[in-house]
Amino acid sequence: MLSVALARRGLRHVAATDQDARAVHCARDNIARQGLSNRIAVRHADLFPAGRADLIVCNPPWLPGPPRTLLDRAVYDSESRMPRRFLTGLPNHLEPGGEGWLILSDLAERLGLRSRTELEDAIAAAGLRVLSRTVTKSRHPRAAVPSDPLHRSRVGETTSLWRLGVD
């Protein structure tokens, strides 16, 4: 859970959102069990909480496509709507000098479902600039299973942290 990782890395107040009421309930329970309820507020919201922040982090579903179940909504997002909405809304929710962090796998690119150019164009169209991009090799357990249908794509998969600022 990103909010827990951020709080443990020193953020004193974290506002986390989810559009699914059950996910909000589960997150609140997990946060309480870890003794972080005084530092993390979980809200039922579509994407952004009200107001502005110095840091806004988004880890959207990674694959463009229609979710078939509630659990699928964590992985699939029709037409990559959430990353686009995050990018276009980010300038209106960041404090001056703030950063938006987008955490995204390149699996959709590897499968030919989205191109890097589409993402870079969406960043520019939102009036954002890339401050830096940190790439890490994914360690998905299924990458070690040759019989997995996505094995070839997962073996080379990387996850990037895109640090974004407002132009």
N, C-alpha and C. Protein backbone atom coordinates (compact mmCIF):
# COMPACT_ATOMS: atom_id res chain seq x y z
N MET A 1 0.85 -1.16 0.00
CA MET A 1 0.00 0.00 0.00
C MET A 1 0.90 1.23 0.00
N LEU A 2 0.73 2.07 -0.99
CA LEU A 2 1.58 3.25 -1.15
C LEU A 2 1.50 4.21 0.02
N SER A 3 0.31 4.40 0.56
CA SER A 3 0.17 5.36 1.66
C SER A 3 0.99 4.94 2.87
N VAL A 4 1.04 3.66 3.16
CA VAL A 4 1.84 3.16 4.28
C VAL A 4 3.33 3.36 4.00
N ALA A 5 3.75 3.05 2.79
CA ALA A 5 5.16 3.24 2.43
C ALA A 5 5.57 4.71 2.56
N LEU A 6 4.71 5.62 2.11
CA LEU A 6 5.01 7.04 2.21
C LEU A 6 5.08 7.51 3.66
N ALA A 7 4.14 7.05 4.48
CA ALA A 7 4.15 7.42 5.90
C ALA A 7 5.40 6.87 6.59
N ARG A 8 5.77 5.66 6.26
CA ARG A 8 6.97 5.08 6.88
C ARG A 8 8.26 5.73 6.39
N ARG A 9 8.18 6.41 5.25
CA ARG A 9 9.35 7.13 4.72
C ARG A 9 9.42 8.57 5.24
N GLY A 10 8.48 8.93 6.12
CA GLY A 10 8.59 10.22 6.78
C GLY A 10 7.47 11.21 6.53
N LEU A 11 6.56 10.96 5.61
CA LEU A 11 5.47 11.91 5.41
C LEU A 11 4.58 11.89 6.66
N ARG A 12 4.30 13.09 7.18
CA ARG A 12 3.52 13.17 8.42
C ARG A 12 2.03 13.04 8.18
N HIS A 13 1.57 13.45 6.99
CA HIS A 13 0.14 13.34 6.70
C HIS A 13 -0.02 12.85 5.26
N VAL A 14 -0.76 11.78 5.11
CA VAL A 14 -1.02 11.20 3.80
C VAL A 14 -2.53 11.09 3.62
N ALA A 15 -3.02 11.59 2.50
CA ALA A 15 -4.44 11.44 2.15
C ALA A 15 -4.50 10.42 1.01
N ALA A 16 -5.13 9.29 1.27
CA ALA A 16 -5.26 8.23 0.27
C ALA A 16 -6.70 8.18 -0.20
N THR A 17 -6.89 7.88 -1.49
CA THR A 17 -8.25 7.78 -2.03
C THR A 17 -8.42 6.48 -2.79
N ASP A 18 -9.66 6.04 -2.84
CA ASP A 18 -10.05 4.92 -3.70
C ASP A 18 -11.52 5.11 -4.04
N GLN A 19 -11.89 4.68 -5.23
CA GLN A 19 -13.27 4.83 -5.67
C GLN A 19 -14.15 3.67 -5.22
N ASP A 20 -13.55 2.62 -4.69
CA ASP A 20 -14.30 1.46 -4.25
C ASP A 20 -14.44 1.48 -2.73
N ALA A 21 -15.68 1.49 -2.24
CA ALA A 21 -15.93 1.58 -0.80
C ALA A 21 -15.30 0.41 -0.03
N ARG A 22 -15.32 -0.78 -0.62
CA ARG A 22 -14.70 -1.93 0.07
C ARG A 22 -13.20 -1.77 0.19
N ALA A 23 -12.57 -1.21 -0.84
CA ALA A 23 -11.13 -0.98 -0.79
C ALA A 23 -10.79 0.06 0.28
N VAL A 24 -11.63 1.07 0.43
CA VAL A 24 -11.42 2.09 1.46
C VAL A 24 -11.50 1.44 2.84
N HIS A 25 -12.51 0.62 3.05
CA HIS A 25 -12.68 -0.06 4.33
C HIS A 25 -11.47 -0.95 4.63
N CYS A 26 -11.04 -1.72 3.66
CA CYS A 26 -9.89 -2.61 3.83
C CYS A 26 -8.63 -1.81 4.13
N ALA A 27 -8.42 -0.71 3.40
CA ALA A 27 -7.24 0.13 3.63
C ALA A 27 -7.26 0.71 5.04
N ARG A 28 -8.41 1.18 5.48
CA ARG A 28 -8.50 1.73 6.84
C ARG A 28 -8.16 0.68 7.89
N ASP A 29 -8.65 -0.53 7.69
CA ASP A 29 -8.32 -1.62 8.62
C ASP A 29 -6.82 -1.91 8.63
N ASN A 30 -6.22 -2.00 7.45
CA ASN A 30 -4.78 -2.28 7.37
C ASN A 30 -3.95 -1.17 8.02
N ILE A 31 -4.34 0.05 7.78
CA ILE A 31 -3.62 1.20 8.33
C ILE A 31 -3.75 1.23 9.86
N ALA A 32 -4.94 0.92 10.36
CA ALA A 32 -5.14 0.87 11.82
C ALA A 32 -4.28 -0.23 12.44
N ARG A 33 -4.22 -1.39 11.81
CA ARG A 33 -3.41 -2.50 12.34
C ARG A 33 -1.93 -2.14 12.39
N GLN A 34 -1.51 -1.24 11.53
CA GLN A 34 -0.10 -0.84 11.49
C GLN A 34 0.16 0.41 12.33
N GLY A 35 -0.88 0.88 13.02
CA GLY A 35 -0.72 2.02 13.92
C GLY A 35 -0.48 3.35 13.21
N LEU A 36 -1.02 3.49 12.01
CA LEU A 36 -0.77 4.70 11.23
C LEU A 36 -2.03 5.54 10.98
N SER A 37 -3.10 5.25 11.69
CA SER A 37 -4.36 5.98 11.47
C SER A 37 -4.23 7.47 11.76
N ASN A 38 -3.31 7.84 12.61
CA ASN A 38 -3.14 9.26 12.93
C ASN A 38 -2.36 10.00 11.84
N ARG A 39 -1.78 9.26 10.88
CA ARG A 39 -1.00 9.90 9.81
C ARG A 39 -1.57 9.68 8.42
N ILE A 40 -2.47 8.72 8.28
CA ILE A 40 -3.04 8.41 6.96
C ILE A 40 -4.55 8.49 7.03
N ALA A 41 -5.14 9.33 6.20
CA ALA A 41 -6.59 9.44 6.09
C ALA A 41 -7.00 8.83 4.75
N VAL A 42 -7.88 7.86 4.80
CA VAL A 42 -8.36 7.21 3.57
C VAL A 42 -9.75 7.73 3.28
N ARG A 43 -9.92 8.22 2.05
CA ARG A 43 -11.20 8.81 1.66
C ARG A 43 -11.78 8.07 0.45
N HIS A 44 -13.08 7.98 0.44
CA HIS A 44 -13.79 7.44 -0.72
C HIS A 44 -13.92 8.58 -1.71
N ALA A 45 -13.12 8.55 -2.77
CA ALA A 45 -13.13 9.62 -3.77
C ALA A 45 -12.75 9.02 -5.12
N ASP A 46 -13.13 9.72 -6.15
CA ASP A 46 -12.88 9.22 -7.50
C ASP A 46 -11.40 9.21 -7.83
N LEU A 47 -10.66 10.26 -7.50
CA LEU A 47 -9.23 10.28 -7.80
C LEU A 47 -8.49 11.21 -6.84
N PHE A 48 -8.75 12.50 -6.90
CA PHE A 48 -8.06 13.48 -6.06
C PHE A 48 -8.91 13.84 -4.86
N PRO A 49 -8.29 13.98 -3.69
CA PRO A 49 -9.04 14.57 -2.57
C PRO A 49 -9.16 16.07 -2.80
N ALA A 50 -10.00 16.72 -2.04
CA ALA A 50 -10.15 18.17 -2.16
C ALA A 50 -8.85 18.86 -1.78
N GLY A 51 -8.60 19.99 -2.40
CA GLY A 51 -7.43 20.79 -2.04
C GLY A 51 -6.22 20.51 -2.89
N ARG A 52 -5.08 21.02 -2.40
CA ARG A 52 -3.80 20.89 -3.11
C ARG A 52 -2.79 20.23 -2.19
N ALA A 53 -1.74 19.67 -2.81
CA ALA A 53 -0.71 18.97 -2.04
C ALA A 53 0.65 19.20 -2.68
N ASP A 54 1.69 19.02 -1.88
CA ASP A 54 3.06 19.12 -2.39
C ASP A 54 3.46 17.88 -3.18
N LEU A 55 2.86 16.75 -2.84
CA LEU A 55 3.18 15.50 -3.51
C LEU A 55 1.88 14.72 -3.73
N ILE A 56 1.68 14.29 -4.96
CA ILE A 56 0.52 13.46 -5.29
C ILE A 56 1.04 12.24 -6.04
N VAL A 57 0.69 11.06 -5.55
CA VAL A 57 1.19 9.81 -6.10
C VAL A 57 0.03 9.01 -6.67
N CYS A 58 0.23 8.45 -7.86
CA CYS A 58 -0.80 7.64 -8.51
C CYS A 58 -0.18 6.36 -9.04
N ASN A 59 -0.77 5.25 -8.68
CA ASN A 59 -0.37 3.93 -9.19
C ASN A 59 -1.61 3.35 -9.87
N PRO A 60 -1.87 3.78 -11.11
CA PRO A 60 -3.11 3.37 -11.78
C PRO A 60 -3.06 1.93 -12.27
N PRO A 61 -4.21 1.39 -12.65
CA PRO A 61 -4.20 0.08 -13.31
C PRO A 61 -3.27 0.15 -14.53
N TRP A 62 -2.56 -0.93 -14.78
CA TRP A 62 -1.50 -0.90 -15.77
C TRP A 62 -1.93 -1.30 -17.17
N LEU A 63 -3.01 -2.01 -17.31
CA LEU A 63 -3.39 -2.52 -18.64
C LEU A 63 -4.67 -1.87 -19.14
N PRO A 64 -4.62 -1.29 -20.35
CA PRO A 64 -5.84 -0.76 -20.93
C PRO A 64 -6.75 -1.92 -21.33
N GLY A 65 -7.95 -1.90 -20.88
CA GLY A 65 -8.92 -2.95 -21.20
C GLY A 65 -10.04 -2.92 -20.19
N PRO A 66 -11.16 -3.49 -20.55
CA PRO A 66 -12.31 -3.45 -19.63
C PRO A 66 -12.16 -4.43 -18.47
N PRO A 67 -12.33 -3.94 -17.24
CA PRO A 67 -12.34 -4.87 -16.11
C PRO A 67 -13.63 -5.68 -16.11
N ARG A 68 -13.52 -6.93 -15.76
CA ARG A 68 -14.70 -7.80 -15.72
C ARG A 68 -15.20 -8.03 -14.29
N THR A 69 -14.32 -7.83 -13.32
CA THR A 69 -14.69 -8.00 -11.91
C THR A 69 -14.15 -6.80 -11.13
N LEU A 70 -14.57 -6.68 -9.87
CA LEU A 70 -14.05 -5.60 -9.03
C LEU A 70 -12.54 -5.73 -8.85
N LEU A 71 -12.06 -6.96 -8.70
CA LEU A 71 -10.63 -7.17 -8.55
C LEU A 71 -9.87 -6.76 -9.82
N ASP A 72 -10.46 -6.99 -10.97
CA ASP A 72 -9.85 -6.59 -12.24
C ASP A 72 -9.60 -5.09 -12.33
N ARG A 73 -10.38 -4.30 -11.60
CA ARG A 73 -10.23 -2.84 -11.67
C ARG A 73 -8.87 -2.38 -11.17
N ALA A 74 -8.17 -3.21 -10.43
CA ALA A 74 -6.82 -2.87 -9.98
C ALA A 74 -5.79 -3.07 -11.09
N VAL A 75 -6.15 -3.84 -12.11
CA VAL A 75 -5.21 -4.18 -13.18
C VAL A 75 -5.62 -3.57 -14.51
N TYR A 76 -6.93 -3.57 -14.81
CA TYR A 76 -7.44 -3.12 -16.11
C TYR A 76 -8.17 -1.79 -15.99
N ASP A 77 -7.96 -0.95 -16.99
CA ASP A 77 -8.59 0.36 -17.04
C ASP A 77 -8.92 0.64 -18.50
N SER A 78 -10.18 0.66 -18.83
CA SER A 78 -10.58 0.90 -20.22
C SER A 78 -9.94 2.18 -20.75
N GLU A 79 -9.24 2.05 -21.84
CA GLU A 79 -8.63 3.17 -22.57
C GLU A 79 -7.68 4.01 -21.71
N SER A 80 -7.11 3.43 -20.67
CA SER A 80 -6.16 4.15 -19.79
C SER A 80 -6.74 5.45 -19.27
N ARG A 81 -8.00 5.43 -18.88
CA ARG A 81 -8.67 6.65 -18.42
C ARG A 81 -8.05 7.23 -17.17
N MET A 82 -7.72 6.37 -16.20
CA MET A 82 -7.21 6.88 -14.93
C MET A 82 -5.87 7.62 -15.10
N PRO A 83 -4.89 7.06 -15.80
CA PRO A 83 -3.65 7.84 -15.97
C PRO A 83 -3.90 9.18 -16.68
N ARG A 84 -4.77 9.19 -17.66
CA ARG A 84 -5.06 10.44 -18.37
C ARG A 84 -5.73 11.45 -17.45
N ARG A 85 -6.67 10.99 -16.64
CA ARG A 85 -7.37 11.89 -15.71
C ARG A 85 -6.40 12.40 -14.64
N PHE A 86 -5.50 11.53 -14.20
CA PHE A 86 -4.49 11.95 -13.23
C PHE A 86 -3.62 13.05 -13.83
N LEU A 87 -3.14 12.84 -15.03
CA LEU A 87 -2.26 13.83 -15.67
C LEU A 87 -2.98 15.16 -15.90
N THR A 88 -4.20 15.11 -16.41
CA THR A 88 -4.90 16.38 -16.70
C THR A 88 -5.33 17.10 -15.42
N GLY A 89 -5.62 16.37 -14.36
CA GLY A 89 -6.04 17.00 -13.10
C GLY A 89 -4.90 17.43 -12.20
N LEU A 90 -3.73 16.88 -12.44
CA LEU A 90 -2.59 17.13 -11.55
C LEU A 90 -2.25 18.61 -11.38
N PRO A 91 -2.16 19.40 -12.45
CA PRO A 91 -1.81 20.82 -12.26
C PRO A 91 -2.77 21.57 -11.33
N ASN A 92 -4.03 21.17 -11.30
CA ASN A 92 -5.02 21.84 -10.45
C ASN A 92 -4.98 21.39 -9.00
N HIS A 93 -4.20 20.36 -8.71
CA HIS A 93 -4.16 19.83 -7.35
C HIS A 93 -2.79 19.93 -6.69
N LEU A 94 -1.79 20.36 -7.45
CA LEU A 94 -0.45 20.50 -6.89
C LEU A 94 -0.22 21.91 -6.34
N GLU A 95 0.46 21.97 -5.21
CA GLU A 95 0.95 23.25 -4.70
C GLU A 95 2.05 23.73 -5.64
N PRO A 96 2.30 25.04 -5.70
CA PRO A 96 3.42 25.53 -6.52
C PRO A 96 4.72 24.83 -6.12
N GLY A 97 5.43 24.34 -7.11
CA GLY A 97 6.68 23.62 -6.85
C GLY A 97 6.48 22.17 -6.46
N GLY A 98 5.22 21.72 -6.39
CA GLY A 98 4.94 20.34 -6.00
C GLY A 98 5.25 19.35 -7.10
N GLU A 99 5.16 18.08 -6.76
CA GLU A 99 5.44 17.01 -7.71
C GLU A 99 4.30 16.00 -7.76
N GLY A 100 4.09 15.45 -8.93
CA GLY A 100 3.20 14.33 -9.11
C GLY A 100 4.04 13.12 -9.48
N TRP A 101 3.79 12.01 -8.84
CA TRP A 101 4.52 10.79 -9.14
C TRP A 101 3.56 9.80 -9.77
N LEU A 102 3.90 9.32 -10.94
CA LEU A 102 3.11 8.31 -11.63
C LEU A 102 3.93 7.03 -11.66
N ILE A 103 3.38 5.98 -11.08
CA ILE A 103 4.05 4.69 -11.03
C ILE A 103 3.36 3.79 -12.05
N LEU A 104 4.12 3.35 -13.05
CA LEU A 104 3.49 2.64 -14.16
C LEU A 104 4.42 1.57 -14.74
N SER A 105 3.87 0.42 -14.95
CA SER A 105 4.59 -0.68 -15.61
C SER A 105 4.59 -0.44 -17.12
N ASP A 106 5.59 -0.98 -17.79
CA ASP A 106 5.62 -0.90 -19.26
C ASP A 106 5.00 -2.14 -19.90
N LEU A 107 4.28 -2.94 -19.11
CA LEU A 107 3.68 -4.16 -19.65
C LEU A 107 2.71 -3.86 -20.79
N ALA A 108 1.92 -2.79 -20.67
CA ALA A 108 1.00 -2.42 -21.75
C ALA A 108 1.76 -2.11 -23.03
N GLU A 109 2.91 -1.46 -22.90
CA GLU A 109 3.75 -1.17 -24.07
C GLU A 109 4.28 -2.47 -24.68
N ARG A 110 4.75 -3.36 -23.83
CA ARG A 110 5.30 -4.63 -24.30
C ARG A 110 4.25 -5.48 -25.02
N LEU A 111 2.99 -5.33 -24.60
CA LEU A 111 1.90 -6.09 -25.22
C LEU A 111 1.29 -5.35 -26.41
N GLY A 112 1.77 -4.14 -26.70
CA GLY A 112 1.25 -3.36 -27.82
C GLY A 112 -0.10 -2.72 -27.54
N LEU A 113 -0.44 -2.53 -26.26
CA LEU A 113 -1.73 -1.97 -25.89
C LEU A 113 -1.68 -0.45 -25.69
N ARG A 114 -0.47 0.07 -25.49
CA ARG A 114 -0.28 1.51 -25.33
C ARG A 114 1.17 1.79 -25.73
N SER A 115 1.41 2.96 -26.25
CA SER A 115 2.78 3.30 -26.63
C SER A 115 3.37 4.30 -25.64
N ARG A 116 4.67 4.32 -25.55
CA ARG A 116 5.35 5.29 -24.70
C ARG A 116 5.04 6.70 -25.18
N THR A 117 4.93 6.87 -26.50
CA THR A 117 4.62 8.18 -27.07
C THR A 117 3.27 8.69 -26.57
N GLU A 118 2.27 7.81 -26.47
CA GLU A 118 0.96 8.23 -25.96
C GLU A 118 1.08 8.82 -24.56
N LEU A 119 1.85 8.15 -23.71
CA LEU A 119 2.03 8.63 -22.34
C LEU A 119 2.78 9.95 -22.33
N GLU A 120 3.86 10.04 -23.08
CA GLU A 120 4.64 11.27 -23.12
C GLU A 120 3.82 12.43 -23.70
N ASP A 121 3.00 12.15 -24.71
CA ASP A 121 2.12 13.19 -25.28
C ASP A 121 1.08 13.65 -24.26
N ALA A 122 0.54 12.71 -23.48
CA ALA A 122 -0.45 13.07 -22.46
C ALA A 122 0.18 13.92 -21.36
N ILE A 123 1.42 13.62 -21.01
CA ILE A 123 2.14 14.42 -20.01
C ILE A 123 2.30 15.85 -20.52
N ALA A 124 2.77 15.98 -21.76
CA ALA A 124 2.98 17.32 -22.34
C ALA A 124 1.66 18.07 -22.51
N ALA A 125 0.61 17.39 -22.96
CA ALA A 125 -0.69 18.03 -23.18
C ALA A 125 -1.29 18.56 -21.88
N ALA A 126 -0.93 17.94 -20.76
CA ALA A 126 -1.43 18.38 -19.45
C ALA A 126 -0.64 19.56 -18.90
N GLY A 127 0.38 19.98 -19.63
CA GLY A 127 1.21 21.09 -19.15
C GLY A 127 2.20 20.66 -18.09
N LEU A 128 2.61 19.40 -18.18
CA LEU A 128 3.55 18.85 -17.20
C LEU A 128 4.90 18.61 -17.87
N ARG A 129 5.93 18.52 -17.05
CA ARG A 129 7.24 18.13 -17.57
C ARG A 129 7.77 16.99 -16.70
N VAL A 130 8.57 16.16 -17.31
CA VAL A 130 9.18 15.04 -16.59
C VAL A 130 10.42 15.57 -15.88
N LEU A 131 10.40 15.51 -14.55
CA LEU A 131 11.55 15.94 -13.75
C LEU A 131 12.61 14.85 -13.72
N SER A 132 12.15 13.60 -13.64
CA SER A 132 13.04 12.45 -13.72
C SER A 132 12.19 11.20 -13.89
N ARG A 133 12.85 10.15 -14.27
CA ARG A 133 12.17 8.86 -14.42
C ARG A 133 13.11 7.79 -13.88
N THR A 134 12.67 7.07 -12.88
CA THR A 134 13.44 5.98 -12.29
C THR A 134 12.81 4.67 -12.73
N VAL A 135 13.63 3.80 -13.29
CA VAL A 135 13.14 2.54 -13.83
C VAL A 135 13.71 1.39 -13.01
N THR A 136 12.85 0.45 -12.69
CA THR A 136 13.28 -0.74 -11.96
C THR A 136 12.74 -1.98 -12.66
N LYS A 137 13.51 -3.02 -12.64
CA LYS A 137 13.09 -4.29 -13.23
C LYS A 137 12.02 -4.89 -12.34
N SER A 138 10.92 -5.28 -12.95
CA SER A 138 9.83 -5.89 -12.18
C SER A 138 10.25 -7.27 -11.72
N ARG A 139 9.74 -7.64 -10.56
CA ARG A 139 10.05 -8.96 -10.00
C ARG A 139 8.77 -9.77 -9.81
N HIS A 140 7.94 -9.71 -10.82
CA HIS A 140 6.68 -10.44 -10.77
C HIS A 140 6.97 -11.94 -10.68
N PRO A 141 6.38 -12.66 -9.72
CA PRO A 141 6.67 -14.09 -9.56
C PRO A 141 6.35 -14.91 -10.82
N ARG A 142 5.38 -14.48 -11.59
CA ARG A 142 5.02 -15.25 -12.78
C ARG A 142 6.04 -15.11 -13.91
N ALA A 143 6.93 -14.12 -13.79
CA ALA A 143 7.97 -13.97 -14.81
C ALA A 143 8.89 -15.18 -14.83
N ALA A 144 8.92 -15.93 -13.73
CA ALA A 144 9.76 -17.13 -13.65
C ALA A 144 9.04 -18.39 -14.10
N VAL A 145 7.79 -18.24 -14.56
CA VAL A 145 7.00 -19.41 -14.96
C VAL A 145 6.86 -19.42 -16.49
N PRO A 146 7.67 -20.20 -17.18
CA PRO A 146 7.63 -20.20 -18.65
C PRO A 146 6.27 -20.57 -19.24
N SER A 147 5.44 -21.30 -18.51
CA SER A 147 4.13 -21.69 -19.04
C SER A 147 3.10 -20.57 -18.93
N ASP A 148 3.42 -19.50 -18.18
CA ASP A 148 2.50 -18.37 -18.08
C ASP A 148 2.35 -17.72 -19.45
N PRO A 149 1.12 -17.42 -19.89
CA PRO A 149 0.94 -16.85 -21.22
C PRO A 149 1.63 -15.49 -21.43
N LEU A 150 1.90 -14.79 -20.36
CA LEU A 150 2.56 -13.49 -20.47
C LEU A 150 4.05 -13.56 -20.11
N HIS A 151 4.59 -14.76 -20.02
CA HIS A 151 5.97 -14.95 -19.58
C HIS A 151 6.97 -14.07 -20.34
N ARG A 152 6.94 -14.09 -21.66
CA ARG A 152 7.91 -13.33 -22.46
C ARG A 152 7.83 -11.83 -22.19
N SER A 153 6.63 -11.33 -22.01
CA SER A 153 6.48 -9.90 -21.72
C SER A 153 6.91 -9.57 -20.30
N ARG A 154 6.59 -10.44 -19.36
CA ARG A 154 6.92 -10.17 -17.96
C ARG A 154 8.42 -10.27 -17.68
N VAL A 155 9.12 -11.10 -18.43
CA VAL A 155 10.56 -11.24 -18.20
C VAL A 155 11.27 -9.91 -18.39
N GLY A 156 10.86 -9.11 -19.35
CA GLY A 156 11.51 -7.84 -19.60
C GLY A 156 10.80 -6.64 -19.00
N GLU A 157 9.69 -6.87 -18.32
CA GLU A 157 8.87 -5.78 -17.78
C GLU A 157 9.67 -4.90 -16.82
N THR A 158 9.43 -3.60 -16.93
CA THR A 158 10.00 -2.65 -15.98
C THR A 158 8.86 -1.79 -15.42
N THR A 159 9.10 -1.23 -14.25
CA THR A 159 8.17 -0.29 -13.64
C THR A 159 8.90 1.03 -13.47
N SER A 160 8.23 2.10 -13.85
CA SER A 160 8.85 3.43 -13.79
C SER A 160 8.14 4.32 -12.79
N LEU A 161 8.94 5.12 -12.11
CA LEU A 161 8.42 6.21 -11.29
C LEU A 161 8.71 7.47 -12.08
N TRP A 162 7.64 8.06 -12.61
CA TRP A 162 7.73 9.31 -13.36
C TRP A 162 7.50 10.45 -12.39
N ARG A 163 8.51 11.28 -12.15
CA ARG A 163 8.38 12.48 -11.32
C ARG A 163 8.00 13.62 -12.24
N LEU A 164 6.84 14.22 -11.98
CA LEU A 164 6.30 15.24 -12.86
C LEU A 164 6.13 16.57 -12.14
N GLY A 165 6.39 17.64 -12.87
CA GLY A 165 6.18 18.98 -12.35
C GLY A 165 5.35 19.78 -13.35
N VAL A 166 4.81 20.88 -12.88
CA VAL A 166 3.99 21.74 -13.73
C VAL A 166 4.91 22.69 -14.47
N ASP A 167 4.70 22.83 -15.78
CA ASP A 167 5.48 23.77 -16.60
C ASP A 167 5.22 25.19 -16.19
